C-alpha atoms as a PDB file:
ATOM      1  CA  UNK A   1     -17.574 -28.363 -15.360  1.00  0.00           C
ATOM      2  CA  UNK A   2     -18.622 -24.596 -15.894  1.00  0.00           C
ATOM      3  CA  UNK A   3     -16.452 -21.724 -17.046  1.00  0.00           C
ATOM      4  CA  UNK A   4     -16.231 -20.425 -13.678  1.00  0.00           C
ATOM      5  CA  UNK A   5     -14.870 -23.285 -12.201  1.00  0.00           C
ATOM      6  CA  UNK A   6     -12.592 -23.686 -14.773  1.00  0.00           C
ATOM      7  CA  UNK A   7     -11.174 -20.420 -14.323  1.00  0.00           C
ATOM      8  CA  UNK A   8     -10.528 -21.227 -10.298  1.00  0.00           C
ATOM      9  CA  UNK A   9      -8.705 -24.009 -10.935  1.00  0.00           C
ATOM     10  CA  UNK A  10      -6.661 -22.521 -13.439  1.00  0.00           C
ATOM     11  CA  UNK A  11      -6.153 -19.709 -10.664  1.00  0.00           C
ATOM     12  CA  UNK A  12      -5.237 -22.259  -8.059  1.00  0.00           C
ATOM     13  CA  UNK A  13      -3.047 -24.113 -10.271  1.00  0.00           C
ATOM     14  CA  UNK A  14      -0.815 -21.077 -11.726  1.00  0.00           C
ATOM     15  CA  UNK A  15      -0.954 -20.146  -7.652  1.00  0.00           C
ATOM     16  CA  UNK A  16       0.556 -23.181  -6.922  1.00  0.00           C
ATOM     17  CA  UNK A  17       3.332 -23.397  -9.743  1.00  0.00           C
ATOM     18  CA  UNK A  18       4.128 -19.531  -8.944  1.00  0.00           C
ATOM     19  CA  UNK A  19       4.581 -20.993  -5.328  1.00  0.00           C
ATOM     20  CA  UNK A  20       6.928 -23.960  -6.118  1.00  0.00           C
ATOM     21  CA  UNK A  21       9.219 -21.492  -8.277  1.00  0.00           C
ATOM     22  CA  UNK A  22       9.679 -19.527  -5.490  1.00  0.00           C
ATOM     23  CA  UNK A  23      10.464 -22.436  -2.996  1.00  0.00           C
ATOM     24  CA  UNK A  24      12.602 -23.727  -5.737  1.00  0.00           C
ATOM     25  CA  UNK A  25      14.441 -20.399  -6.080  1.00  0.00           C
ATOM     26  CA  UNK A  26      14.943 -19.054  -2.540  1.00  0.00           C
ATOM     27  CA  UNK A  27      17.505 -21.538  -1.170  1.00  0.00           C
ATOM     28  CA  UNK A  28      19.615 -20.890  -4.394  1.00  0.00           C
ATOM     29  CA  UNK A  29      19.425 -16.926  -3.937  1.00  0.00           C
ATOM     30  CA  UNK A  30      19.999 -17.744  -0.084  1.00  0.00           C
ATOM     31  CA  UNK A  31      23.128 -20.158  -1.076  1.00  0.00           C
ATOM     32  CA  UNK A  32      24.057 -17.732  -3.227  1.00  0.00           C
ATOM     33  CA  UNK A  33      24.203 -14.955  -0.798  1.00  0.00           C
ATOM     34  CA  UNK A  34      25.739 -16.935   1.702  1.00  0.00           C
ATOM     35  CA  UNK A  35      28.596 -17.870  -0.881  1.00  0.00           C
ATOM     36  CA  UNK A  36      29.391 -14.123  -1.364  1.00  0.00           C
ATOM     37  CA  UNK A  37      29.675 -13.969   2.051  1.00  0.00           C
ATOM     38  CA  UNK A  38      28.651 -11.128   4.698  1.00  0.00           C
ATOM     39  CA  UNK A  39      31.748  -9.347   6.143  1.00  0.00           C
ATOM     40  CA  UNK A  40      31.845  -9.585  10.184  1.00  0.00           C
ATOM     41  CA  UNK A  41      34.026  -7.962  12.668  1.00  0.00           C
ATOM     42  CA  UNK A  42      35.910 -10.686  14.278  1.00  0.00           C
ATOM     43  CA  UNK A  43      35.755  -9.113  17.717  1.00  0.00           C
ATOM     44  CA  UNK A  44      32.664  -7.100  19.411  1.00  0.00           C
ATOM     45  CA  UNK A  45      32.904  -3.399  18.047  1.00  0.00           C
ATOM     46  CA  UNK A  46      33.180  -2.325  21.655  1.00  0.00           C
ATOM     47  CA  UNK A  47      35.874  -4.714  22.610  1.00  0.00           C
ATOM     48  CA  UNK A  48      38.838  -3.113  24.795  1.00  0.00           C
ATOM     49  CA  UNK A  49      42.194  -3.992  23.899  1.00  0.00           C
ATOM     50  CA  UNK A  50      43.465  -3.286  26.552  1.00  0.00           C
ATOM     51  CA  UNK A  51      41.776  -6.309  28.028  1.00  0.00           C
ATOM     52  CA  UNK A  52      44.631  -8.933  26.030  1.00  0.00           C
ATOM     53  CA  UNK A  53      46.886  -9.731  28.831  1.00  0.00           C
ATOM     54  CA  UNK A  54      48.300 -12.852  26.748  1.00  0.00           C
ATOM     55  CA  UNK A  55      48.499 -14.047  23.381  1.00  0.00           C
ATOM     56  CA  UNK A  56      48.804 -18.254  22.494  1.00  0.00           C
ATOM     57  CA  UNK A  57      50.300 -18.556  19.001  1.00  0.00           C
ATOM     58  CA  UNK A  58      50.293 -22.360  17.969  1.00  0.00           C
ATOM     59  CA  UNK A  59      51.578 -23.932  15.090  1.00  0.00           C
ATOM     60  CA  UNK A  60      53.270 -26.744  13.369  1.00  0.00           C
ATOM     61  CA  UNK A  61      56.864 -25.166  14.274  1.00  0.00           C
ATOM     62  CA  UNK A  62      56.450 -24.168  17.806  1.00  0.00           C
ATOM     63  CA  UNK A  63      54.372 -22.290  20.333  1.00  0.00           C
ATOM     64  CA  UNK A  64      54.831 -18.763  21.674  1.00  0.00           C
ATOM     65  CA  UNK A  65      53.416 -17.318  24.599  1.00  0.00           C
ATOM     66  CA  UNK A  66      53.402 -14.063  24.834  1.00  0.00           C
ATOM     67  CA  UNK A  67      52.568 -12.168  28.295  1.00  0.00           C
ATOM     68  CA  UNK A  68      52.165  -8.516  29.503  1.00  0.00           C
ATOM     69  CA  UNK A  69      54.752  -7.094  31.922  1.00  0.00           C
ATOM     70  CA  UNK A  70      54.331  -3.793  32.779  1.00  0.00           C
ATOM     71  CA  UNK A  71      54.653  -2.125  29.684  1.00  0.00           C
ATOM     72  CA  UNK A  72      56.895  -4.085  28.037  1.00  0.00           C
ATOM     73  CA  UNK A  73      55.782  -8.022  26.280  1.00  0.00           C
ATOM     74  CA  UNK A  74      57.417 -10.729  27.246  1.00  0.00           C
ATOM     75  CA  UNK A  75      58.014 -14.191  25.797  1.00  0.00           C
ATOM     76  CA  UNK A  76      57.897 -17.498  27.793  1.00  0.00           C
ATOM     77  CA  UNK A  77      59.421 -20.054  25.995  1.00  0.00           C
ATOM     78  CA  UNK A  78      62.718 -17.819  25.742  1.00  0.00           C
ATOM     79  CA  UNK A  79      63.777 -17.509  29.005  1.00  0.00           C
ATOM     80  CA  UNK A  80      61.219 -14.102  29.111  1.00  0.00           C
ATOM     81  CA  UNK A  81      63.473 -12.039  27.044  1.00  0.00           C
ATOM     82  CA  UNK A  82      61.534  -8.949  26.013  1.00  0.00           C
ATOM     83  CA  UNK A  83      59.565  -9.261  22.860  1.00  0.00           C
ATOM     84  CA  UNK A  84      58.897  -6.990  19.629  1.00  0.00           C
ATOM     85  CA  UNK A  85      55.925  -4.577  20.871  1.00  0.00           C
ATOM     86  CA  UNK A  86      55.430  -3.453  17.441  1.00  0.00           C
ATOM     87  CA  UNK A  87      54.590  -6.974  16.579  1.00  0.00           C
ATOM     88  CA  UNK A  88      52.192  -7.355  19.196  1.00  0.00           C
ATOM     89  CA  UNK A  89      50.372  -4.483  18.404  1.00  0.00           C
ATOM     90  CA  UNK A  90      49.899  -5.428  14.780  1.00  0.00           C
ATOM     91  CA  UNK A  91      48.724  -8.264  15.734  1.00  0.00           C
ATOM     92  CA  UNK A  92      46.305  -6.437  18.313  1.00  0.00           C
ATOM     93  CA  UNK A  93      44.676  -4.186  15.480  1.00  0.00           C
ATOM     94  CA  UNK A  94      44.573  -6.863  13.253  1.00  0.00           C
ATOM     95  CA  UNK A  95      42.033  -8.843  15.699  1.00  0.00           C
ATOM     96  CA  UNK A  96      40.629  -5.650  16.668  1.00  0.00           C
ATOM     97  CA  UNK A  97      39.785  -4.009  13.278  1.00  0.00           C
ATOM     98  CA  UNK A  98      39.386  -6.697  10.320  1.00  0.00           C
ATOM     99  CA  UNK A  99      36.291  -7.598   8.841  1.00  0.00           C
ATOM    100  CA  UNK A 100      36.186 -11.877   8.405  1.00  0.00           C
ATOM    101  CA  UNK A 101      34.234 -12.651   5.362  1.00  0.00           C
ATOM    102  CA  UNK A 102      32.021 -15.480   6.355  1.00  0.00           C
ATOM    103  CA  UNK A 103      30.909 -17.902   3.767  1.00  0.00           C
ATOM    104  CA  UNK A 104      30.019 -21.598   2.658  1.00  0.00           C
ATOM    105  CA  UNK A 105      33.429 -23.800   2.108  1.00  0.00           C
ATOM    106  CA  UNK A 106      33.368 -26.608  -0.739  1.00  0.00           C
ATOM    107  CA  UNK A 107      33.513 -29.865   1.779  1.00  0.00           C
ATOM    108  CA  UNK A 108      36.279 -30.492  -0.696  1.00  0.00           C
ATOM    109  CA  UNK A 109      37.918 -27.502   0.506  1.00  0.00           C
ATOM    110  CA  UNK A 110      37.490 -28.125   3.997  1.00  0.00           C
ATOM    111  CA  UNK A 111      40.258 -30.599   4.257  1.00  0.00           C
ATOM    112  CA  UNK A 112      42.219 -28.920   1.797  1.00  0.00           C
ATOM    113  CA  UNK A 113      41.853 -25.867   3.940  1.00  0.00           C
ATOM    114  CA  UNK A 114      43.026 -27.336   7.224  1.00  0.00           C
ATOM    115  CA  UNK A 115      39.677 -27.649   8.543  1.00  0.00           C
ATOM    116  CA  UNK A 116      38.946 -30.347  10.444  1.00  0.00           C
ATOM    117  CA  UNK A 117      41.626 -30.603  11.478  1.00  0.00           C
ATOM    118  CA  UNK A 118      43.965 -28.178  11.579  1.00  0.00           C
ATOM    119  CA  UNK A 119      47.156 -29.762  12.133  1.00  0.00           C
ATOM    120  CA  UNK A 120      48.356 -27.726   8.805  1.00  0.00           C
ATOM    121  CA  UNK A 121      47.494 -24.653  10.195  1.00  0.00           C
ATOM    122  CA  UNK A 122      48.034 -22.395  13.552  1.00  0.00           C
ATOM    123  CA  UNK A 123      45.818 -20.861  16.372  1.00  0.00           C
ATOM    124  CA  UNK A 124      45.721 -17.779  18.022  1.00  0.00           C
ATOM    125  CA  UNK A 125      44.196 -17.985  21.749  1.00  0.00           C
ATOM    126  CA  UNK A 126      43.767 -14.137  23.349  1.00  0.00           C
ATOM    127  CA  UNK A 127      43.498 -14.437  26.925  1.00  0.00           C
ATOM    128  CA  UNK A 128      42.831 -11.875  30.112  1.00  0.00           C
ATOM    129  CA  UNK A 129      44.855 -11.417  32.976  1.00  0.00           C
ATOM    130  CA  UNK A 130      44.024 -14.537  34.732  1.00  0.00           C
ATOM    131  CA  UNK A 131      44.769 -16.477  31.473  1.00  0.00           C
ATOM    132  CA  UNK A 132      40.793 -16.831  30.529  1.00  0.00           C
ATOM    133  CA  UNK A 133      40.435 -17.184  27.151  1.00  0.00           C
ATOM    134  CA  UNK A 134      38.615 -14.341  25.240  1.00  0.00           C
ATOM    135  CA  UNK A 135      38.769 -15.648  21.278  1.00  0.00           C
ATOM    136  CA  UNK A 136      40.063 -17.948  19.535  1.00  0.00           C
ATOM    137  CA  UNK A 137      40.391 -18.298  16.650  1.00  0.00           C
ATOM    138  CA  UNK A 138      42.115 -21.478  14.556  1.00  0.00           C
ATOM    139  CA  UNK A 139      44.290 -20.901  11.028  1.00  0.00           C
ATOM    140  CA  UNK A 140      43.747 -22.823   7.998  1.00  0.00           C
ATOM    141  CA  UNK A 141      46.450 -23.008   5.078  1.00  0.00           C
ATOM    142  CA  UNK A 142      46.451 -20.628   2.400  1.00  0.00           C
ATOM    143  CA  UNK A 143      44.640 -22.725  -0.437  1.00  0.00           C
ATOM    144  CA  UNK A 144      44.027 -22.245  -4.240  1.00  0.00           C
ATOM    145  CA  UNK A 145      39.888 -21.851  -3.977  1.00  0.00           C
ATOM    146  CA  UNK A 146      39.788 -23.766  -8.003  1.00  0.00           C
ATOM    147  CA  UNK A 147      38.021 -21.027  -9.313  1.00  0.00           C
ATOM    148  CA  UNK A 148      40.545 -18.683 -10.596  1.00  0.00           C
ATOM    149  CA  UNK A 149      40.049 -16.090  -8.329  1.00  0.00           C
ATOM    150  CA  UNK A 150      42.723 -14.226  -5.699  1.00  0.00           C
ATOM    151  CA  UNK A 151      44.259 -17.591  -2.916  1.00  0.00           C
ATOM    152  CA  UNK A 152      41.515 -17.478   0.164  1.00  0.00           C
ATOM    153  CA  UNK A 153      43.249 -17.510   3.675  1.00  0.00           C
ATOM    154  CA  UNK A 154      40.810 -19.047   6.432  1.00  0.00           C
ATOM    155  CA  UNK A 155      39.565 -19.152   9.799  1.00  0.00           C
ATOM    156  CA  UNK A 156      37.196 -20.829  12.318  1.00  0.00           C
ATOM    157  CA  UNK A 157      35.714 -18.126  13.813  1.00  0.00           C
ATOM    158  CA  UNK A 158      34.703 -18.637  17.372  1.00  0.00           C
ATOM    159  CA  UNK A 159      31.389 -19.818  16.664  1.00  0.00           C
ATOM    160  CA  UNK A 160      32.555 -21.983  14.178  1.00  0.00           C
ATOM    161  CA  UNK A 161      31.644 -20.609  11.825  1.00  0.00           C
ATOM    162  CA  UNK A 162      34.286 -20.529   8.784  1.00  0.00           C
ATOM    163  CA  UNK A 163      35.280 -17.471   6.993  1.00  0.00           C
ATOM    164  CA  UNK A 164      37.971 -15.301   5.154  1.00  0.00           C
ATOM    165  CA  UNK A 165      40.689 -13.483   6.134  1.00  0.00           C
ATOM    166  CA  UNK A 166      44.301 -12.101   5.593  1.00  0.00           C
ATOM    167  CA  UNK A 167      45.839  -9.865   8.268  1.00  0.00           C
ATOM    168  CA  UNK A 168      45.895 -12.670  11.106  1.00  0.00           C
ATOM    169  CA  UNK A 169      48.234 -14.847   8.872  1.00  0.00           C
ATOM    170  CA  UNK A 170      51.609 -13.219   8.711  1.00  0.00           C
ATOM    171  CA  UNK A 171      52.532 -13.561  12.262  1.00  0.00           C
ATOM    172  CA  UNK A 172      50.233 -17.301  12.629  1.00  0.00           C
ATOM    173  CA  UNK A 173      53.546 -19.063  11.782  1.00  0.00           C
ATOM    174  CA  UNK A 174      56.142 -17.765  13.206  1.00  0.00           C
ATOM    175  CA  UNK A 175      58.625 -19.247  15.878  1.00  0.00           C
ATOM    176  CA  UNK A 176      59.527 -17.667  19.326  1.00  0.00           C
ATOM    177  CA  UNK A 177      62.685 -16.366  18.514  1.00  0.00           C
ATOM    178  CA  UNK A 178      60.751 -13.681  15.487  1.00  0.00           C
ATOM    179  CA  UNK A 179      58.479 -12.641  17.654  1.00  0.00           C
ATOM    180  CA  UNK A 180      61.840 -11.024  19.834  1.00  0.00           C
ATOM    181  CA  UNK A 181      62.578  -7.263  19.602  1.00  0.00           C
ATOM    182  CA  UNK A 182      65.139  -6.906  17.168  1.00  0.00           C
ATOM    183  CA  UNK A 183      66.149  -3.167  17.552  1.00  0.00           C
ATOM    184  CA  UNK A 184      67.663  -1.241  20.823  1.00  0.00           C
ATOM    185  CA  UNK A 185      65.853   2.144  20.721  1.00  0.00           C
ATOM    186  CA  UNK A 186      68.369   2.900  23.959  1.00  0.00           C
ATOM    187  CA  UNK A 187      71.670   3.445  21.925  1.00  0.00           C
ATOM    188  CA  UNK A 188      69.936   5.863  19.605  1.00  0.00           C
ATOM    189  CA  UNK A 189      71.562   8.627  21.472  1.00  0.00           C
ATOM    190  CA  UNK A 190      74.563   8.785  21.748  1.00  0.00           C
ATOM    191  CA  UNK A 191      77.540  11.131  23.470  1.00  0.00           C
ATOM    192  CA  UNK A 192      80.575   9.131  23.011  1.00  0.00           C
ATOM    193  CA  UNK A 193      81.933   5.586  21.877  1.00  0.00           C
ATOM    194  CA  UNK A 194      84.835   4.278  23.497  1.00  0.00           C
ATOM    195  CA  UNK A 195      86.036   1.026  21.753  1.00  0.00           C
ATOM    196  CA  UNK A 196      88.468  -0.605  23.940  1.00  0.00           C
ATOM    197  CA  UNK A 197      90.363  -3.755  23.038  1.00  0.00           C
ATOM    198  CA  UNK A 198      92.554  -6.271  25.892  1.00  0.00           C
ATOM    199  CA  UNK A 199      91.709  -3.233  28.314  1.00  0.00           C
ATOM    200  CA  UNK A 200      93.413  -0.509  26.427  1.00  0.00           C
ATOM    201  CA  UNK A 201      91.501   2.204  24.581  1.00  0.00           C
ATOM    202  CA  UNK A 202      91.377   2.021  20.895  1.00  0.00           C
ATOM    203  CA  UNK A 203      89.617   4.997  19.689  1.00  0.00           C
ATOM    204  CA  UNK A 204      87.284   7.426  20.824  1.00  0.00           C
ATOM    205  CA  UNK A 205      84.625   8.930  18.900  1.00  0.00           C
ATOM    206  CA  UNK A 206      82.502  12.027  20.235  1.00  0.00           C
ATOM    207  CA  UNK A 207      78.634  12.836  18.962  1.00  0.00           C
ATOM    208  CA  UNK A 208      77.032  15.992  19.128  1.00  0.00           C
ATOM    209  CA  UNK A 209      74.585  18.398  16.604  1.00  0.00           C
ATOM    210  CA  UNK A 210      74.799  15.700  14.222  1.00  0.00           C
ATOM    211  CA  UNK A 211      78.510  15.619  13.828  1.00  0.00           C
ATOM    212  CA  UNK A 212      81.244  12.686  14.946  1.00  0.00           C
ATOM    213  CA  UNK A 213      84.325  13.574  15.745  1.00  0.00           C
ATOM    214  CA  UNK A 214      87.468  10.695  16.071  1.00  0.00           C
ATOM    215  CA  UNK A 215      89.563  12.235  18.910  1.00  0.00           C
ATOM    216  CA  UNK A 216      93.120  11.767  18.806  1.00  0.00           C
ATOM    217  CA  UNK A 217      94.273  12.695  15.283  1.00  0.00           C
ATOM    218  CA  UNK A 218      97.391  13.203  14.771  1.00  0.00           C
ATOM    219  CA  UNK A 219      98.767  16.830  12.860  1.00  0.00           C
ATOM    220  CA  UNK A 220      99.358  16.323   8.347  1.00  0.00           C
ATOM    221  CA  UNK A 221      95.901  13.922   9.233  1.00  0.00           C
ATOM    222  CA  UNK A 222      92.251  14.022   9.639  1.00  0.00           C
ATOM    223  CA  UNK A 223      89.329  11.601   9.756  1.00  0.00           C
ATOM    224  CA  UNK A 224      87.713   9.544   7.943  1.00  0.00           C
ATOM    225  CA  UNK A 225      84.100  11.004   8.050  1.00  0.00           C
ATOM    226  CA  UNK A 226      82.506   7.587   6.301  1.00  0.00           C
ATOM    227  CA  UNK A 227      84.005   4.813   8.735  1.00  0.00           C
ATOM    228  CA  UNK A 228      83.537   7.140  11.767  1.00  0.00           C
ATOM    229  CA  UNK A 229      80.168   7.817  10.677  1.00  0.00           C
ATOM    230  CA  UNK A 230      79.659   4.249  10.329  1.00  0.00           C
ATOM    231  CA  UNK A 231      80.866   3.130  13.236  1.00  0.00           C
ATOM    232  CA  UNK A 232      78.902   5.562  15.302  1.00  0.00           C
ATOM    233  CA  UNK A 233      75.832   4.065  13.202  1.00  0.00           C
ATOM    234  CA  UNK A 234      76.463   0.807  13.469  1.00  0.00           C
ATOM    235  CA  UNK A 235      76.186   0.931  17.433  1.00  0.00           C
ATOM    236  CA  UNK A 236      72.891   2.877  16.715  1.00  0.00           C
ATOM    237  CA  UNK A 237      71.686  -0.233  14.239  1.00  0.00           C
ATOM    238  CA  UNK A 238      72.693  -3.074  15.843  1.00  0.00           C
ATOM    239  CA  UNK A 239      70.251  -6.006  15.440  1.00  0.00           C
ATOM    240  CA  UNK A 240      69.162  -8.564  17.701  1.00  0.00           C
ATOM    241  CA  UNK A 241      68.812 -11.690  15.089  1.00  0.00           C
ATOM    242  CA  UNK A 242      68.824 -14.521  18.000  1.00  0.00           C
ATOM    243  CA  UNK A 243      70.018 -16.131  21.615  1.00  0.00           C
ATOM    244  CA  UNK A 244      72.509 -18.311  22.623  1.00  0.00           C
ATOM    245  CA  UNK A 245      70.583 -20.343  25.583  1.00  0.00           C
ATOM    246  CA  UNK A 246      70.499 -23.577  27.297  1.00  0.00           C
ATOM    247  CA  UNK A 247      70.177 -25.049  24.181  1.00  0.00           C
ATOM    248  CA  UNK A 248      72.805 -23.805  21.975  1.00  0.00           C
ATOM    249  CA  UNK A 249      75.398 -26.295  21.262  1.00  0.00           C
ATOM    250  CA  UNK A 250      78.433 -26.143  23.355  1.00  0.00           C
ATOM    251  CA  UNK A 251      80.710 -25.683  20.532  1.00  0.00           C
ATOM    252  CA  UNK A 252      79.005 -22.522  20.159  1.00  0.00           C
ATOM    253  CA  UNK A 253      78.944 -20.973  23.617  1.00  0.00           C
ATOM    254  CA  UNK A 254      83.019 -21.001  23.328  1.00  0.00           C
ATOM    255  CA  UNK A 255      83.584 -17.260  22.725  1.00  0.00           C
ATOM    256  CA  UNK A 256      86.449 -15.276  21.899  1.00  0.00           C
ATOM    257  CA  UNK A 257      88.393 -12.169  20.514  1.00  0.00           C
ATOM    258  CA  UNK A 258      86.332 -10.164  22.699  1.00  0.00           C
ATOM    259  CA  UNK A 259      85.775  -6.009  22.372  1.00  0.00           C
ATOM    260  CA  UNK A 260      84.467  -3.723  24.783  1.00  0.00           C
ATOM    261  CA  UNK A 261      82.351  -0.486  23.267  1.00  0.00           C
ATOM    262  CA  UNK A 262      81.397   2.068  26.018  1.00  0.00           C
ATOM    263  CA  UNK A 263      78.499   3.965  25.274  1.00  0.00           C
ATOM    264  CA  UNK A 264      77.779   7.353  27.150  1.00  0.00           C
ATOM    265  CA  UNK A 265      74.469   8.717  26.460  1.00  0.00           C
ATOM    266  CA  UNK A 266      72.966  11.885  26.502  1.00  0.00           C
ATOM    267  CA  UNK A 267      71.916  11.275  29.681  1.00  0.00           C
ATOM    268  CA  UNK A 268      74.841  10.794  30.726  1.00  0.00           C
ATOM    269  CA  UNK A 269      73.515   6.832  31.009  1.00  0.00           C
ATOM    270  CA  UNK A 270      76.497   4.485  30.561  1.00  0.00           C
ATOM    271  CA  UNK A 271      75.917   1.256  28.571  1.00  0.00           C
ATOM    272  CA  UNK A 272      78.562  -1.574  27.852  1.00  0.00           C
ATOM    273  CA  UNK A 273      78.747  -3.365  25.124  1.00  0.00           C
ATOM    274  CA  UNK A 274      80.402  -6.652  24.231  1.00  0.00           C
ATOM    275  CA  UNK A 275      81.055  -8.277  21.395  1.00  0.00           C
ATOM    276  CA  UNK A 276      82.718 -11.363  21.067  1.00  0.00           C
ATOM    277  CA  UNK A 277      83.168 -14.456  18.256  1.00  0.00           C
ATOM    278  CA  UNK A 278      83.367 -18.186  17.803  1.00  0.00           C
ATOM    279  CA  UNK A 279      84.626 -20.232  15.847  1.00  0.00           C
ATOM    280  CA  UNK A 280      82.033 -20.569  13.502  1.00  0.00           C
ATOM    281  CA  UNK A 281      81.813 -16.726  12.853  1.00  0.00           C
ATOM    282  CA  UNK A 282      78.795 -15.932  15.167  1.00  0.00           C
ATOM    283  CA  UNK A 283      78.777 -12.609  16.533  1.00  0.00           C
ATOM    284  CA  UNK A 284      77.533 -12.854  20.630  1.00  0.00           C
ATOM    285  CA  UNK A 285      76.392  -9.120  21.981  1.00  0.00           C
ATOM    286  CA  UNK A 286      75.895  -8.527  25.551  1.00  0.00           C
ATOM    287  CA  UNK A 287      74.428  -5.171  27.264  1.00  0.00           C
ATOM    288  CA  UNK A 288      74.514  -3.580  30.790  1.00  0.00           C
ATOM    289  CA  UNK A 289      74.169  -0.214  31.963  1.00  0.00           C
ATOM    290  CA  UNK A 290      75.310   1.565  35.044  1.00  0.00           C
ATOM    291  CA  UNK A 291      74.940   5.683  36.349  1.00  0.00           C
ATOM    292  CA  UNK A 292      77.973   7.522  36.300  1.00  0.00           C
ATOM    293  CA  UNK A 293      80.384   7.692  39.292  1.00  0.00           C
ATOM    294  CA  UNK A 294      79.174   9.591  42.233  1.00  0.00           C
ATOM    295  CA  UNK A 295      82.167  11.538  41.712  1.00  0.00           C
ATOM    296  CA  UNK A 296      81.504  12.339  37.833  1.00  0.00           C
ATOM    297  CA  UNK A 297      79.734  15.876  37.524  1.00  0.00           C
ATOM    298  CA  UNK A 298      76.829  15.906  35.662  1.00  0.00           C
ATOM    299  CA  UNK A 299      76.390  18.055  32.475  1.00  0.00           C
ATOM    300  CA  UNK A 300      73.805  21.027  32.487  1.00  0.00           C
ATOM    301  CA  UNK A 301      72.790  23.648  34.790  1.00  0.00           C
ATOM    302  CA  UNK A 302      71.516  21.866  37.516  1.00  0.00           C
ATOM    303  CA  UNK A 303      73.574  22.981  40.493  1.00  0.00           C
ATOM    304  CA  UNK A 304      71.360  21.922  43.841  1.00  0.00           C
ATOM    305  CA  UNK A 305      72.083  18.973  45.646  1.00  0.00           C
ATOM    306  CA  UNK A 306      68.345  17.836  46.112  1.00  0.00           C
ATOM    307  CA  UNK A 307      68.526  18.351  41.997  1.00  0.00           C
ATOM    308  CA  UNK A 308      70.724  16.408  41.189  1.00  0.00           C
ATOM    309  CA  UNK A 309      70.075  13.451  43.734  1.00  0.00           C
ATOM    310  CA  UNK A 310      66.605  13.162  41.427  1.00  0.00           C
ATOM    311  CA  UNK A 311      68.530  13.027  38.174  1.00  0.00           C
ATOM    312  CA  UNK A 312      71.031  10.458  39.891  1.00  0.00           C
ATOM    313  CA  UNK A 313      67.977   8.378  40.665  1.00  0.00           C
ATOM    314  CA  UNK A 314      66.310   8.843  37.636  1.00  0.00           C
ATOM    315  CA  UNK A 315      69.626   7.337  35.889  1.00  0.00           C
ATOM    316  CA  UNK A 316      69.796   4.564  38.248  1.00  0.00           C
ATOM    317  CA  UNK A 317      66.240   3.460  37.470  1.00  0.00           C
ATOM    318  CA  UNK A 318      66.775   3.893  33.785  1.00  0.00           C
ATOM    319  CA  UNK A 319      70.021   1.074  34.528  1.00  0.00           C
ATOM    320  CA  UNK A 320      67.873  -0.840  35.949  1.00  0.00           C
ATOM    321  CA  UNK A 321      64.764  -1.154  33.432  1.00  0.00           C
ATOM    322  CA  UNK A 322      68.096  -1.803  30.581  1.00  0.00           C
ATOM    323  CA  UNK A 323      69.489  -4.574  32.527  1.00  0.00           C
ATOM    324  CA  UNK A 324      66.401  -5.850  32.782  1.00  0.00           C
ATOM    325  CA  UNK A 325      65.323  -5.873  29.495  1.00  0.00           C
ATOM    326  CA  UNK A 326      68.992  -6.942  28.367  1.00  0.00           C
ATOM    327  CA  UNK A 327      71.453  -8.196  30.827  1.00  0.00           C
ATOM    328  CA  UNK A 328      70.608 -11.377  31.743  1.00  0.00           C
ATOM    329  CA  UNK A 329      70.948 -12.766  27.682  1.00  0.00           C
ATOM    330  CA  UNK A 330      73.607 -13.745  25.065  1.00  0.00           C
ATOM    331  CA  UNK A 331      72.243 -12.140  21.756  1.00  0.00           C
ATOM    332  CA  UNK A 332      73.423 -12.907  18.530  1.00  0.00           C
ATOM    333  CA  UNK A 333      73.827  -9.809  16.323  1.00  0.00           C
ATOM    334  CA  UNK A 334      75.243  -9.745  12.527  1.00  0.00           C
ATOM    335  CA  UNK A 335      78.657 -10.267  11.626  1.00  0.00           C
ATOM    336  CA  UNK A 336      78.389  -6.537   9.762  1.00  0.00           C
ATOM    337  CA  UNK A 337      78.791  -5.331  13.402  1.00  0.00           C
ATOM    338  CA  UNK A 338      81.949  -6.709  14.492  1.00  0.00           C
ATOM    339  CA  UNK A 339      83.712  -5.820  11.237  1.00  0.00           C
ATOM    340  CA  UNK A 340      82.691  -1.614  11.473  1.00  0.00           C
ATOM    341  CA  UNK A 341      83.054  -1.590  15.247  1.00  0.00           C
ATOM    342  CA  UNK A 342      86.641  -3.247  15.515  1.00  0.00           C
ATOM    343  CA  UNK A 343      88.773  -1.060  12.916  1.00  0.00           C
ATOM    344  CA  UNK A 344      91.745   0.678  14.582  1.00  0.00           C
ATOM    345  CA  UNK A 345      92.096   4.226  15.125  1.00  0.00           C
ATOM    346  CA  UNK A 346      94.556   4.395  11.885  1.00  0.00           C
ATOM    347  CA  UNK A 347      91.675   2.631  10.130  1.00  0.00           C
ATOM    348  CA  UNK A 348      89.606   5.576  10.739  1.00  0.00           C
ATOM    349  CA  UNK A 349      92.140   8.391   9.707  1.00  0.00           C
ATOM    350  CA  UNK A 350      93.632   9.582   6.227  1.00  0.00           C
ATOM    351  CA  UNK A 351      96.545  11.646   4.796  1.00  0.00           C
ATOM    352  CA  UNK A 352      95.386  15.467   4.737  1.00  0.00           C
ATOM    353  CA  UNK A 353      94.388  16.042   0.198  1.00  0.00           C
END
């Protein structure tokens, strides 16, 4: 073999060795890149959140069907009671804004994470107005990734890719009851509250410019400002923590000790709040609204009959909206509301210093 041939063969051998090294290294780099993950949006950037009209959350506890009804969201499994709009918005925001990280998950972790199957996880399905699925995400369990790193949460995307995510998980295991609206914003602007017990007024508190005043305080006494303020705040902060319905045991539907509160709002709408208890100590609350009687003069400077008629119609519309949202149901509230509001007139006053 000549010196020239030897050089050529050596060059070929070197090239083959380099090629073999590249072939061996590239898959490993690719695997490493896959393991590190790539950030991708759960939904397309141009996705319109207004297209979401139904959200179905399924987990091991229950199925919750949330659907849009006008300006409100309702819960089908709770006889169409109103859902908490803030919770819906938080979930939709997560769907539209979160960046999931696609990555390779070792086979031994897929079963532990609930993939496949996903009986130990949950799924979130978003649909359009006709009920057609826009996107469905299957969420696994929260598991330790066994690498000494923070816990990861796994989700499968529409294309069956597996990714890590976190913002979808807080709502994924909720029951229908947890999606229910908790606050009553219609009770924030109060002009007067009257407590009625056995058809007899017990006390009247007026509220104006941030000050609450108890009526009919006898000479030599003064109102207990803390107790009076607590009563008005209790009305404003009634929490809805559950429902009494056809699935409630019969014994829990036997109510007693009824107290009625007549709330006059600053816009003159009248709201009736009925509180009752049962033998288990549960507190039930029922709500209804109606416009003021025709004979009652509306506040303000409106003297024109046409303007007054428009305002009364607006109040009638507000009453109908309120009743559609609350009147059909018997809600459960916290025991402290009943204890705070059913105090006698004498418990709201004290001797002058």
